[in-house]
Amino acid sequence: MNRFTPLILMLLCGLPWQLKAQVTTEELQVVQLYTQDELLALIRQNQHLKRVKADDCQLVKDIEARADIMKLPSYQFLFGDMLAYGVCVPVNVERGWDLMDEAARQGLPEALEQIGRYYQQGKFVQKDLVKAQSYLHEASAMGNINAQIRLAELLLSGHGSPVDYETVYRWLHHSVTADKDLHQRIQTALQKLASRMPEPVLTRAKKPL
């Protein structure tokens, strides 16, 4: 019971039963702020913006405070993406990009992967495959599977150096995921990379980490 509970009870006593039910229901539907692990899981599944909307935008101020004041990378990324797409806040692509970039500079793999993807797609910024590879490589080295797949697909499309085939193959060969679609993309990338690699290099890439 918090310090406002007695006041709420007093007010409820003088309300019609319909309003009492409404107030009580709203009080029970207060949304809890996401834990770090929960938020990162949402980001990896690309469900973070949907979750904010599903929570009726109740957490915008808390999210903004953790991004701007506490400078938590996961919340910088979340609030930056919200600003970029106008989710529960007015669209502000420039500020959103700055927040996502700051999260990336703090080493958040999910932010590195997304910025690399945006450079690859030319979304919000001019298409730049060199920058895309740089961000994706850094995220890949930190174990981000989405970045590893994108990097492999860039290499297979003729961008980057064949010298990286072995490293990218090793990452994907030893990756673990329960996502069937992701697993299929990994398998396809591995098969195509293997067809371009000498047998000794392929054997070396498959060795345990």
N, C-alpha and C. Protein backbone atom coordinates (compact mmCIF):
# COMPACT_ATOMS: atom_id res chain seq x y z
N MET A 1 0.86 -1.20 0.00
CA MET A 1 0.00 0.00 0.00
C MET A 1 0.89 1.24 0.00
N ASN A 2 0.64 2.13 -0.98
CA ASN A 2 1.46 3.34 -1.02
C ASN A 2 0.74 4.46 -0.31
N ARG A 3 1.39 5.62 -0.23
CA ARG A 3 0.84 6.73 0.57
C ARG A 3 -0.42 7.33 -0.05
N PHE A 4 -0.70 6.99 -1.32
CA PHE A 4 -1.89 7.54 -1.96
C PHE A 4 -3.10 6.62 -1.82
N THR A 5 -2.89 5.40 -1.33
CA THR A 5 -3.98 4.44 -1.27
C THR A 5 -5.16 4.92 -0.41
N PRO A 6 -4.93 5.47 0.81
CA PRO A 6 -6.08 5.95 1.61
C PRO A 6 -6.90 7.00 0.88
N LEU A 7 -6.20 7.92 0.17
CA LEU A 7 -6.91 8.96 -0.56
C LEU A 7 -7.76 8.35 -1.67
N ILE A 8 -7.18 7.36 -2.39
CA ILE A 8 -7.92 6.69 -3.45
C ILE A 8 -9.16 6.02 -2.90
N LEU A 9 -9.03 5.35 -1.74
CA LEU A 9 -10.17 4.66 -1.13
C LEU A 9 -11.26 5.64 -0.72
N MET A 10 -10.85 6.79 -0.19
CA MET A 10 -11.83 7.80 0.21
C MET A 10 -12.60 8.31 -1.00
N LEU A 11 -11.87 8.54 -2.08
CA LEU A 11 -12.52 9.04 -3.29
C LEU A 11 -13.46 8.00 -3.87
N LEU A 12 -13.04 6.73 -3.81
CA LEU A 12 -13.88 5.68 -4.36
C LEU A 12 -15.21 5.56 -3.64
N CYS A 13 -15.20 5.85 -2.36
CA CYS A 13 -16.42 5.71 -1.56
C CYS A 13 -17.53 6.64 -2.07
N GLY A 14 -17.14 7.75 -2.65
CA GLY A 14 -18.14 8.70 -3.11
C GLY A 14 -18.46 8.59 -4.58
N LEU A 15 -17.94 7.55 -5.25
CA LEU A 15 -18.15 7.39 -6.68
C LEU A 15 -19.20 6.33 -6.97
N PRO A 16 -19.92 6.48 -8.08
CA PRO A 16 -20.82 5.41 -8.52
C PRO A 16 -20.01 4.14 -8.76
N TRP A 17 -20.67 2.96 -8.69
CA TRP A 17 -19.93 1.69 -8.80
C TRP A 17 -19.26 1.55 -10.15
N GLN A 18 -19.84 2.14 -11.23
CA GLN A 18 -19.22 2.01 -12.54
C GLN A 18 -17.86 2.70 -12.56
N LEU A 19 -17.78 3.89 -11.94
CA LEU A 19 -16.52 4.63 -11.91
C LEU A 19 -15.52 3.95 -11.00
N LYS A 20 -16.03 3.37 -9.89
CA LYS A 20 -15.14 2.64 -8.99
C LYS A 20 -14.43 1.51 -9.76
N ALA A 21 -15.21 0.78 -10.55
CA ALA A 21 -14.64 -0.34 -11.31
C ALA A 21 -13.59 0.16 -12.29
N GLN A 22 -13.90 1.31 -12.93
CA GLN A 22 -12.96 1.86 -13.91
C GLN A 22 -11.65 2.27 -13.25
N VAL A 23 -11.73 2.99 -12.14
CA VAL A 23 -10.53 3.44 -11.43
C VAL A 23 -9.72 2.24 -10.95
N THR A 24 -10.44 1.24 -10.36
CA THR A 24 -9.75 0.06 -9.84
C THR A 24 -9.04 -0.68 -10.95
N THR A 25 -9.70 -0.82 -12.10
CA THR A 25 -9.11 -1.52 -13.24
C THR A 25 -7.87 -0.80 -13.72
N GLU A 26 -7.95 0.53 -13.83
CA GLU A 26 -6.82 1.31 -14.31
C GLU A 26 -5.64 1.20 -13.34
N GLU A 27 -5.95 1.16 -12.04
CA GLU A 27 -4.89 1.06 -11.05
C GLU A 27 -4.17 -0.28 -11.19
N LEU A 28 -4.94 -1.34 -11.53
CA LEU A 28 -4.35 -2.66 -11.66
C LEU A 28 -3.54 -2.81 -12.94
N GLN A 29 -3.76 -1.92 -13.94
CA GLN A 29 -3.12 -2.04 -15.23
C GLN A 29 -1.87 -1.16 -15.37
N VAL A 30 -1.33 -0.70 -14.26
CA VAL A 30 -0.10 0.07 -14.31
C VAL A 30 1.01 -0.80 -14.89
N VAL A 31 1.70 -0.29 -15.90
CA VAL A 31 2.72 -1.07 -16.60
C VAL A 31 4.07 -0.94 -15.90
N GLN A 32 4.72 -2.07 -15.69
CA GLN A 32 6.04 -2.08 -15.08
C GLN A 32 7.11 -1.81 -16.13
N LEU A 33 8.14 -1.07 -15.74
CA LEU A 33 9.24 -0.79 -16.66
C LEU A 33 9.99 -2.07 -16.98
N TYR A 34 10.48 -2.17 -18.19
CA TYR A 34 11.16 -3.38 -18.63
C TYR A 34 12.51 -3.56 -17.92
N THR A 35 12.82 -4.80 -17.59
CA THR A 35 14.16 -5.08 -17.08
C THR A 35 15.14 -5.02 -18.25
N GLN A 36 16.42 -4.95 -17.94
CA GLN A 36 17.44 -4.91 -18.98
C GLN A 36 17.37 -6.15 -19.88
N ASP A 37 17.27 -7.32 -19.27
CA ASP A 37 17.22 -8.55 -20.06
C ASP A 37 15.96 -8.61 -20.91
N GLU A 38 14.84 -8.17 -20.35
CA GLU A 38 13.58 -8.20 -21.08
C GLU A 38 13.64 -7.27 -22.29
N LEU A 39 14.19 -6.07 -22.09
CA LEU A 39 14.28 -5.11 -23.18
C LEU A 39 15.21 -5.61 -24.28
N LEU A 40 16.35 -6.15 -23.91
CA LEU A 40 17.29 -6.67 -24.91
C LEU A 40 16.67 -7.81 -25.71
N ALA A 41 15.89 -8.66 -25.04
CA ALA A 41 15.21 -9.76 -25.74
C ALA A 41 14.20 -9.20 -26.74
N LEU A 42 13.47 -8.17 -26.35
CA LEU A 42 12.51 -7.53 -27.25
C LEU A 42 13.21 -6.93 -28.47
N ILE A 43 14.35 -6.29 -28.22
CA ILE A 43 15.11 -5.67 -29.31
C ILE A 43 15.62 -6.74 -30.28
N ARG A 44 16.15 -7.84 -29.75
CA ARG A 44 16.67 -8.91 -30.62
C ARG A 44 15.56 -9.51 -31.48
N GLN A 45 14.35 -9.55 -30.94
CA GLN A 45 13.20 -10.09 -31.68
C GLN A 45 12.51 -9.02 -32.53
N ASN A 46 13.03 -7.80 -32.48
CA ASN A 46 12.45 -6.66 -33.18
C ASN A 46 11.00 -6.43 -32.75
N GLN A 47 10.75 -6.61 -31.47
CA GLN A 47 9.41 -6.43 -30.91
C GLN A 47 9.33 -5.24 -29.97
N HIS A 48 10.42 -4.47 -29.84
CA HIS A 48 10.47 -3.41 -28.83
C HIS A 48 9.48 -2.28 -29.10
N LEU A 49 9.32 -1.88 -30.35
CA LEU A 49 8.38 -0.80 -30.64
C LEU A 49 6.93 -1.28 -30.49
N LYS A 50 6.66 -2.50 -30.90
CA LYS A 50 5.32 -3.06 -30.73
C LYS A 50 4.94 -3.13 -29.25
N ARG A 51 5.93 -3.48 -28.41
CA ARG A 51 5.67 -3.60 -26.98
C ARG A 51 5.33 -2.24 -26.38
N VAL A 52 6.06 -1.20 -26.78
CA VAL A 52 5.79 0.14 -26.26
C VAL A 52 4.37 0.57 -26.64
N LYS A 53 3.96 0.30 -27.87
CA LYS A 53 2.60 0.64 -28.31
C LYS A 53 1.56 -0.22 -27.58
N ALA A 54 1.88 -1.50 -27.39
CA ALA A 54 0.94 -2.39 -26.69
C ALA A 54 0.73 -1.95 -25.24
N ASP A 55 1.74 -1.29 -24.68
CA ASP A 55 1.63 -0.79 -23.30
C ASP A 55 0.99 0.61 -23.25
N ASP A 56 0.34 0.97 -24.35
CA ASP A 56 -0.40 2.25 -24.43
C ASP A 56 0.48 3.46 -24.15
N CYS A 57 1.75 3.37 -24.51
CA CYS A 57 2.68 4.50 -24.40
C CYS A 57 2.82 5.03 -22.97
N GLN A 58 2.54 4.19 -21.98
CA GLN A 58 2.58 4.65 -20.58
C GLN A 58 3.99 4.91 -20.07
N LEU A 59 4.99 4.32 -20.72
CA LEU A 59 6.35 4.38 -20.17
C LEU A 59 7.27 5.37 -20.86
N VAL A 60 6.71 6.24 -21.69
CA VAL A 60 7.54 7.15 -22.49
C VAL A 60 8.48 7.99 -21.63
N LYS A 61 7.96 8.59 -20.57
CA LYS A 61 8.80 9.46 -19.72
C LYS A 61 9.91 8.67 -19.03
N ASP A 62 9.57 7.47 -18.57
CA ASP A 62 10.59 6.62 -17.93
C ASP A 62 11.66 6.20 -18.93
N ILE A 63 11.24 5.85 -20.13
CA ILE A 63 12.18 5.46 -21.17
C ILE A 63 13.10 6.63 -21.53
N GLU A 64 12.50 7.80 -21.69
CA GLU A 64 13.29 8.99 -22.04
C GLU A 64 14.31 9.32 -20.95
N ALA A 65 13.90 9.21 -19.69
CA ALA A 65 14.82 9.51 -18.59
C ALA A 65 16.00 8.54 -18.57
N ARG A 66 15.73 7.28 -18.82
CA ARG A 66 16.82 6.29 -18.82
C ARG A 66 17.73 6.44 -20.03
N ALA A 67 17.20 7.02 -21.10
CA ALA A 67 18.02 7.27 -22.29
C ALA A 67 18.83 8.55 -22.15
N ASP A 68 18.18 9.64 -21.74
CA ASP A 68 18.84 10.95 -21.73
C ASP A 68 19.62 11.25 -20.46
N ILE A 69 19.10 10.81 -19.32
CA ILE A 69 19.74 11.15 -18.04
C ILE A 69 20.67 10.03 -17.58
N MET A 70 20.15 8.80 -17.55
CA MET A 70 20.96 7.67 -17.08
C MET A 70 21.88 7.13 -18.18
N LYS A 71 21.54 7.44 -19.43
CA LYS A 71 22.36 7.04 -20.59
C LYS A 71 22.60 5.54 -20.65
N LEU A 72 21.54 4.78 -20.41
CA LEU A 72 21.62 3.33 -20.52
C LEU A 72 21.52 2.96 -22.01
N PRO A 73 22.49 2.24 -22.55
CA PRO A 73 22.52 1.97 -23.99
C PRO A 73 21.24 1.33 -24.53
N SER A 74 20.68 0.37 -23.81
CA SER A 74 19.47 -0.30 -24.30
C SER A 74 18.30 0.67 -24.39
N TYR A 75 18.20 1.59 -23.43
CA TYR A 75 17.12 2.58 -23.47
C TYR A 75 17.41 3.70 -24.45
N GLN A 76 18.69 4.02 -24.67
CA GLN A 76 19.04 4.97 -25.73
C GLN A 76 18.60 4.42 -27.08
N PHE A 77 18.87 3.13 -27.27
CA PHE A 77 18.47 2.48 -28.51
C PHE A 77 16.95 2.50 -28.67
N LEU A 78 16.24 2.11 -27.61
CA LEU A 78 14.78 2.06 -27.66
C LEU A 78 14.19 3.43 -27.94
N PHE A 79 14.61 4.44 -27.17
CA PHE A 79 14.03 5.77 -27.36
C PHE A 79 14.44 6.35 -28.71
N GLY A 80 15.66 6.06 -29.15
CA GLY A 80 16.09 6.52 -30.47
C GLY A 80 15.23 5.94 -31.58
N ASP A 81 14.91 4.66 -31.49
CA ASP A 81 14.06 4.01 -32.49
C ASP A 81 12.64 4.57 -32.42
N MET A 82 12.16 4.84 -31.21
CA MET A 82 10.83 5.44 -31.06
C MET A 82 10.77 6.80 -31.76
N LEU A 83 11.81 7.61 -31.58
CA LEU A 83 11.86 8.92 -32.22
C LEU A 83 11.97 8.80 -33.74
N ALA A 84 12.76 7.85 -34.20
CA ALA A 84 12.96 7.68 -35.64
C ALA A 84 11.66 7.30 -36.36
N TYR A 85 10.84 6.49 -35.68
CA TYR A 85 9.60 6.01 -36.31
C TYR A 85 8.35 6.71 -35.79
N GLY A 86 8.53 7.62 -34.84
CA GLY A 86 7.37 8.35 -34.31
C GLY A 86 6.45 7.46 -33.49
N VAL A 87 7.00 6.54 -32.72
CA VAL A 87 6.20 5.64 -31.88
C VAL A 87 6.01 6.27 -30.50
N CYS A 88 4.79 6.71 -30.22
CA CYS A 88 4.40 7.32 -28.94
C CYS A 88 5.05 8.70 -28.71
N VAL A 89 5.83 9.18 -29.66
CA VAL A 89 6.45 10.51 -29.58
C VAL A 89 6.47 11.11 -30.99
N PRO A 90 6.57 12.45 -31.09
CA PRO A 90 6.69 13.05 -32.42
C PRO A 90 7.96 12.57 -33.12
N VAL A 91 7.89 12.41 -34.42
CA VAL A 91 9.05 11.97 -35.20
C VAL A 91 10.20 12.99 -35.08
N ASN A 92 11.38 12.48 -34.77
CA ASN A 92 12.58 13.31 -34.73
C ASN A 92 13.75 12.40 -35.12
N VAL A 93 13.94 12.21 -36.41
CA VAL A 93 14.92 11.25 -36.91
C VAL A 93 16.33 11.60 -36.47
N GLU A 94 16.66 12.91 -36.51
CA GLU A 94 18.03 13.32 -36.18
C GLU A 94 18.38 12.97 -34.73
N ARG A 95 17.48 13.31 -33.81
CA ARG A 95 17.74 13.00 -32.41
C ARG A 95 17.73 11.49 -32.18
N GLY A 96 16.81 10.82 -32.85
CA GLY A 96 16.73 9.37 -32.72
C GLY A 96 18.02 8.70 -33.19
N TRP A 97 18.54 9.16 -34.31
CA TRP A 97 19.78 8.60 -34.84
C TRP A 97 20.94 8.83 -33.86
N ASP A 98 21.01 10.04 -33.31
CA ASP A 98 22.09 10.35 -32.36
C ASP A 98 22.05 9.42 -31.16
N LEU A 99 20.85 9.13 -30.67
CA LEU A 99 20.72 8.23 -29.51
C LEU A 99 21.13 6.80 -29.86
N MET A 100 20.70 6.33 -31.03
CA MET A 100 21.08 4.98 -31.44
C MET A 100 22.59 4.89 -31.68
N ASP A 101 23.16 5.95 -32.25
CA ASP A 101 24.60 5.97 -32.49
C ASP A 101 25.37 5.97 -31.17
N GLU A 102 24.84 6.71 -30.18
CA GLU A 102 25.50 6.73 -28.86
C GLU A 102 25.45 5.35 -28.21
N ALA A 103 24.31 4.66 -28.37
CA ALA A 103 24.19 3.30 -27.85
C ALA A 103 25.20 2.38 -28.53
N ALA A 104 25.39 2.57 -29.82
CA ALA A 104 26.36 1.77 -30.56
C ALA A 104 27.78 2.07 -30.09
N ARG A 105 28.08 3.34 -29.86
CA ARG A 105 29.42 3.72 -29.40
C ARG A 105 29.70 3.21 -27.99
N GLN A 106 28.63 2.95 -27.24
CA GLN A 106 28.80 2.34 -25.91
C GLN A 106 28.94 0.81 -26.00
N GLY A 107 28.86 0.29 -27.24
CA GLY A 107 29.11 -1.14 -27.44
C GLY A 107 27.89 -2.04 -27.40
N LEU A 108 26.69 -1.49 -27.58
CA LEU A 108 25.49 -2.33 -27.58
C LEU A 108 25.40 -3.05 -28.93
N PRO A 109 25.53 -4.38 -28.95
CA PRO A 109 25.54 -5.11 -30.23
C PRO A 109 24.29 -4.87 -31.07
N GLU A 110 23.13 -4.79 -30.41
CA GLU A 110 21.88 -4.60 -31.14
C GLU A 110 21.86 -3.25 -31.86
N ALA A 111 22.45 -2.23 -31.24
CA ALA A 111 22.52 -0.91 -31.87
C ALA A 111 23.51 -0.94 -33.04
N LEU A 112 24.64 -1.59 -32.85
CA LEU A 112 25.62 -1.73 -33.93
C LEU A 112 25.00 -2.44 -35.13
N GLU A 113 24.24 -3.49 -34.86
CA GLU A 113 23.61 -4.25 -35.95
C GLU A 113 22.59 -3.40 -36.68
N GLN A 114 21.78 -2.65 -35.93
CA GLN A 114 20.72 -1.87 -36.57
C GLN A 114 21.29 -0.72 -37.39
N ILE A 115 22.30 -0.05 -36.86
CA ILE A 115 22.91 1.05 -37.63
C ILE A 115 23.58 0.48 -38.89
N GLY A 116 24.25 -0.68 -38.74
CA GLY A 116 24.83 -1.33 -39.91
C GLY A 116 23.77 -1.66 -40.95
N ARG A 117 22.61 -2.14 -40.47
CA ARG A 117 21.50 -2.47 -41.38
C ARG A 117 20.97 -1.22 -42.07
N TYR A 118 20.86 -0.12 -41.33
CA TYR A 118 20.37 1.12 -41.93
C TYR A 118 21.33 1.64 -43.00
N TYR A 119 22.63 1.52 -42.74
CA TYR A 119 23.60 1.91 -43.77
C TYR A 119 23.52 0.98 -44.98
N GLN A 120 23.26 -0.29 -44.73
CA GLN A 120 23.14 -1.24 -45.82
C GLN A 120 21.90 -0.93 -46.69
N GLN A 121 20.82 -0.55 -46.02
CA GLN A 121 19.55 -0.30 -46.72
C GLN A 121 19.42 1.14 -47.22
N GLY A 122 20.25 2.04 -46.67
CA GLY A 122 20.09 3.45 -46.99
C GLY A 122 18.87 4.06 -46.32
N LYS A 123 18.55 3.58 -45.12
CA LYS A 123 17.39 4.09 -44.38
C LYS A 123 17.83 5.14 -43.37
N PHE A 124 17.25 6.32 -43.46
CA PHE A 124 17.56 7.48 -42.62
C PHE A 124 18.91 8.12 -42.99
N VAL A 125 19.80 7.35 -43.62
CA VAL A 125 21.12 7.84 -44.02
C VAL A 125 21.38 7.41 -45.46
N GLN A 126 22.43 7.98 -46.05
CA GLN A 126 22.80 7.55 -47.39
C GLN A 126 23.38 6.15 -47.35
N LYS A 127 23.05 5.35 -48.34
CA LYS A 127 23.55 3.97 -48.39
C LYS A 127 25.07 3.98 -48.45
N ASP A 128 25.68 3.21 -47.55
CA ASP A 128 27.14 3.16 -47.46
C ASP A 128 27.52 1.75 -47.00
N LEU A 129 27.88 0.90 -47.95
CA LEU A 129 28.16 -0.50 -47.61
C LEU A 129 29.46 -0.67 -46.85
N VAL A 130 30.39 0.27 -47.00
CA VAL A 130 31.63 0.20 -46.23
C VAL A 130 31.33 0.42 -44.75
N LYS A 131 30.54 1.45 -44.45
CA LYS A 131 30.14 1.69 -43.07
C LYS A 131 29.28 0.55 -42.55
N ALA A 132 28.41 0.04 -43.40
CA ALA A 132 27.55 -1.07 -43.01
C ALA A 132 28.39 -2.27 -42.56
N GLN A 133 29.40 -2.59 -43.34
CA GLN A 133 30.27 -3.72 -43.00
C GLN A 133 31.02 -3.48 -41.69
N SER A 134 31.44 -2.26 -41.47
CA SER A 134 32.19 -1.93 -40.26
C SER A 134 31.32 -2.16 -39.02
N TYR A 135 30.10 -1.63 -39.05
CA TYR A 135 29.20 -1.79 -37.91
C TYR A 135 28.79 -3.26 -37.74
N LEU A 136 28.49 -3.93 -38.84
CA LEU A 136 28.05 -5.32 -38.77
C LEU A 136 29.18 -6.23 -38.29
N HIS A 137 30.40 -5.93 -38.70
CA HIS A 137 31.54 -6.74 -38.26
C HIS A 137 31.73 -6.62 -36.75
N GLU A 138 31.61 -5.38 -36.24
CA GLU A 138 31.79 -5.18 -34.80
C GLU A 138 30.70 -5.89 -34.01
N ALA A 139 29.45 -5.79 -34.49
CA ALA A 139 28.34 -6.48 -33.81
C ALA A 139 28.52 -8.00 -33.91
N SER A 140 28.99 -8.48 -35.06
CA SER A 140 29.20 -9.91 -35.26
C SER A 140 30.24 -10.45 -34.29
N ALA A 141 31.31 -9.71 -34.11
CA ALA A 141 32.39 -10.13 -33.21
C ALA A 141 31.90 -10.23 -31.77
N MET A 142 30.78 -9.55 -31.46
CA MET A 142 30.21 -9.58 -30.12
C MET A 142 29.10 -10.63 -30.01
N GLY A 143 28.94 -11.43 -31.08
CA GLY A 143 28.01 -12.55 -31.02
C GLY A 143 26.61 -12.29 -31.53
N ASN A 144 26.39 -11.15 -32.19
CA ASN A 144 25.05 -10.84 -32.70
C ASN A 144 24.79 -11.64 -33.98
N ILE A 145 23.89 -12.60 -33.92
CA ILE A 145 23.65 -13.51 -35.05
C ILE A 145 23.07 -12.77 -36.25
N ASN A 146 22.16 -11.83 -36.02
CA ASN A 146 21.58 -11.08 -37.13
C ASN A 146 22.66 -10.34 -37.91
N ALA A 147 23.62 -9.77 -37.19
CA ALA A 147 24.72 -9.06 -37.84
C ALA A 147 25.59 -10.04 -38.61
N GLN A 148 25.84 -11.21 -38.05
CA GLN A 148 26.67 -12.22 -38.72
C GLN A 148 26.05 -12.65 -40.03
N ILE A 149 24.74 -12.85 -40.03
CA ILE A 149 24.04 -13.26 -41.26
C ILE A 149 24.09 -12.15 -42.30
N ARG A 150 23.84 -10.92 -41.87
CA ARG A 150 23.87 -9.79 -42.80
C ARG A 150 25.27 -9.61 -43.39
N LEU A 151 26.28 -9.78 -42.56
CA LEU A 151 27.65 -9.64 -43.03
C LEU A 151 27.97 -10.73 -44.05
N ALA A 152 27.52 -11.94 -43.78
CA ALA A 152 27.72 -13.04 -44.73
C ALA A 152 27.03 -12.74 -46.05
N GLU A 153 25.82 -12.24 -45.98
CA GLU A 153 25.07 -11.94 -47.20
C GLU A 153 25.72 -10.81 -48.00
N LEU A 154 26.32 -9.84 -47.30
CA LEU A 154 27.07 -8.79 -47.99
C LEU A 154 28.28 -9.37 -48.71
N LEU A 155 29.01 -10.23 -48.01
CA LEU A 155 30.18 -10.87 -48.63
C LEU A 155 29.78 -11.68 -49.85
N LEU A 156 28.69 -12.39 -49.75
CA LEU A 156 28.23 -13.25 -50.84
C LEU A 156 27.72 -12.44 -52.04
N SER A 157 27.34 -11.19 -51.78
CA SER A 157 26.88 -10.33 -52.88
C SER A 157 28.03 -9.56 -53.52
N GLY A 158 29.27 -9.87 -53.07
CA GLY A 158 30.44 -9.27 -53.70
C GLY A 158 31.01 -8.07 -53.00
N HIS A 159 30.53 -7.79 -51.79
CA HIS A 159 31.03 -6.64 -51.04
C HIS A 159 31.92 -7.12 -49.90
N GLY A 160 33.09 -6.55 -49.80
CA GLY A 160 34.03 -6.97 -48.77
C GLY A 160 35.09 -7.89 -49.35
N SER A 161 35.89 -8.44 -48.47
CA SER A 161 37.03 -9.25 -48.89
C SER A 161 36.81 -10.73 -48.61
N PRO A 162 37.21 -11.62 -49.55
CA PRO A 162 37.15 -13.07 -49.31
C PRO A 162 37.96 -13.50 -48.09
N VAL A 163 38.90 -12.66 -47.67
CA VAL A 163 39.69 -12.96 -46.48
C VAL A 163 38.78 -13.15 -45.27
N ASP A 164 37.61 -12.48 -45.28
CA ASP A 164 36.68 -12.56 -44.14
C ASP A 164 35.80 -13.80 -44.16
N TYR A 165 35.84 -14.58 -45.25
CA TYR A 165 34.98 -15.76 -45.35
C TYR A 165 35.18 -16.70 -44.15
N GLU A 166 36.42 -16.96 -43.82
CA GLU A 166 36.71 -17.93 -42.76
C GLU A 166 36.13 -17.48 -41.42
N THR A 167 36.35 -16.22 -41.08
CA THR A 167 35.87 -15.70 -39.79
C THR A 167 34.35 -15.74 -39.72
N VAL A 168 33.70 -15.28 -40.78
CA VAL A 168 32.23 -15.24 -40.79
C VAL A 168 31.66 -16.66 -40.79
N TYR A 169 32.28 -17.55 -41.53
CA TYR A 169 31.84 -18.95 -41.53
C TYR A 169 31.96 -19.52 -40.13
N ARG A 170 33.07 -19.26 -39.45
CA ARG A 170 33.28 -19.78 -38.09
C ARG A 170 32.19 -19.28 -37.15
N TRP A 171 31.89 -17.99 -37.21
CA TRP A 171 30.84 -17.43 -36.35
C TRP A 171 29.52 -18.15 -36.57
N LEU A 172 29.12 -18.29 -37.84
CA LEU A 172 27.83 -18.89 -38.15
C LEU A 172 27.80 -20.38 -37.86
N HIS A 173 28.90 -21.05 -38.12
CA HIS A 173 28.97 -22.49 -37.90
C HIS A 173 28.77 -22.83 -36.41
N HIS A 174 29.24 -21.95 -35.55
CA HIS A 174 29.14 -22.21 -34.10
C HIS A 174 27.98 -21.45 -33.44
N SER A 175 27.14 -20.83 -34.24
CA SER A 175 26.01 -20.07 -33.67
C SER A 175 24.92 -21.02 -33.18
N VAL A 176 24.12 -20.53 -32.24
CA VAL A 176 23.02 -21.32 -31.67
C VAL A 176 21.75 -20.47 -31.69
N THR A 177 20.67 -21.01 -32.26
CA THR A 177 19.41 -20.29 -32.29
C THR A 177 18.25 -21.27 -32.34
N ALA A 178 17.15 -20.90 -31.70
CA ALA A 178 15.92 -21.71 -31.75
C ALA A 178 14.97 -21.22 -32.83
N ASP A 179 15.33 -20.10 -33.47
CA ASP A 179 14.50 -19.50 -34.50
C ASP A 179 14.68 -20.27 -35.82
N LYS A 180 13.62 -20.90 -36.30
CA LYS A 180 13.72 -21.75 -37.50
C LYS A 180 14.09 -20.95 -38.75
N ASP A 181 13.50 -19.77 -38.90
CA ASP A 181 13.81 -18.95 -40.07
C ASP A 181 15.26 -18.50 -40.05
N LEU A 182 15.72 -18.10 -38.86
CA LEU A 182 17.10 -17.67 -38.70
C LEU A 182 18.04 -18.85 -38.98
N HIS A 183 17.67 -20.01 -38.49
CA HIS A 183 18.48 -21.22 -38.70
C HIS A 183 18.62 -21.52 -40.19
N GLN A 184 17.53 -21.35 -40.93
CA GLN A 184 17.57 -21.60 -42.38
C GLN A 184 18.48 -20.60 -43.09
N ARG A 185 18.40 -19.34 -42.69
CA ARG A 185 19.27 -18.33 -43.30
C ARG A 185 20.74 -18.62 -43.01
N ILE A 186 21.02 -19.08 -41.80
CA ILE A 186 22.39 -19.45 -41.43
C ILE A 186 22.87 -20.61 -42.31
N GLN A 187 22.02 -21.61 -42.44
CA GLN A 187 22.38 -22.79 -43.23
C GLN A 187 22.65 -22.42 -44.69
N THR A 188 21.82 -21.56 -45.24
CA THR A 188 22.00 -21.13 -46.64
C THR A 188 23.30 -20.35 -46.80
N ALA A 189 23.59 -19.44 -45.86
CA ALA A 189 24.82 -18.64 -45.92
C ALA A 189 26.05 -19.55 -45.80
N LEU A 190 25.99 -20.54 -44.92
CA LEU A 190 27.11 -21.45 -44.73
C LEU A 190 27.39 -22.26 -46.00
N GLN A 191 26.34 -22.73 -46.63
CA GLN A 191 26.51 -23.50 -47.86
C GLN A 191 27.16 -22.66 -48.96
N LYS A 192 26.72 -21.43 -49.09
CA LYS A 192 27.26 -20.56 -50.14
C LYS A 192 28.70 -20.14 -49.83
N LEU A 193 28.98 -19.86 -48.56
CA LEU A 193 30.35 -19.53 -48.18
C LEU A 193 31.28 -20.73 -48.42
N ALA A 194 30.82 -21.91 -48.04
CA ALA A 194 31.64 -23.12 -48.19
C ALA A 194 32.02 -23.37 -49.64
N SER A 195 31.10 -23.04 -50.54
CA SER A 195 31.38 -23.27 -51.97
C SER A 195 32.48 -22.35 -52.51
N ARG A 196 32.82 -21.32 -51.75
CA ARG A 196 33.85 -20.36 -52.19
C ARG A 196 35.15 -20.49 -51.40
N MET A 197 35.20 -21.44 -50.47
CA MET A 197 36.37 -21.56 -49.60
C MET A 197 37.17 -22.82 -49.93
N PRO A 198 38.50 -22.72 -49.93
CA PRO A 198 39.32 -23.92 -50.10
C PRO A 198 39.07 -24.90 -48.96
N GLU A 199 39.20 -26.18 -49.22
CA GLU A 199 38.89 -27.21 -48.24
C GLU A 199 39.68 -27.05 -46.93
N PRO A 200 41.01 -26.76 -46.98
CA PRO A 200 41.75 -26.59 -45.72
C PRO A 200 41.22 -25.44 -44.86
N VAL A 201 40.83 -24.35 -45.53
CA VAL A 201 40.30 -23.19 -44.80
C VAL A 201 38.94 -23.54 -44.19
N LEU A 202 38.14 -24.27 -44.95
CA LEU A 202 36.82 -24.68 -44.46
C LEU A 202 36.95 -25.60 -43.24
N THR A 203 37.90 -26.53 -43.31
CA THR A 203 38.14 -27.45 -42.20
C THR A 203 38.57 -26.69 -40.96
N ARG A 204 39.44 -25.68 -41.15
CA ARG A 204 39.93 -24.87 -40.03
C ARG A 204 38.79 -24.07 -39.40
N ALA A 205 37.90 -23.57 -40.24
CA ALA A 205 36.78 -22.75 -39.75
C ALA A 205 35.81 -23.55 -38.92
N LYS A 206 35.75 -24.88 -39.15
CA LYS A 206 34.81 -25.72 -38.42
C LYS A 206 35.35 -26.22 -37.09
N LYS A 207 36.60 -25.97 -36.83
CA LYS A 207 37.20 -26.44 -35.58
C LYS A 207 36.53 -25.78 -34.38
N PRO A 208 36.46 -26.47 -33.26
CA PRO A 208 35.83 -25.88 -32.05
C PRO A 208 36.52 -24.57 -31.67
N LEU A 209 35.72 -23.66 -31.14
CA LEU A 209 36.25 -22.35 -30.73
C LEU A 209 37.14 -22.50 -29.51
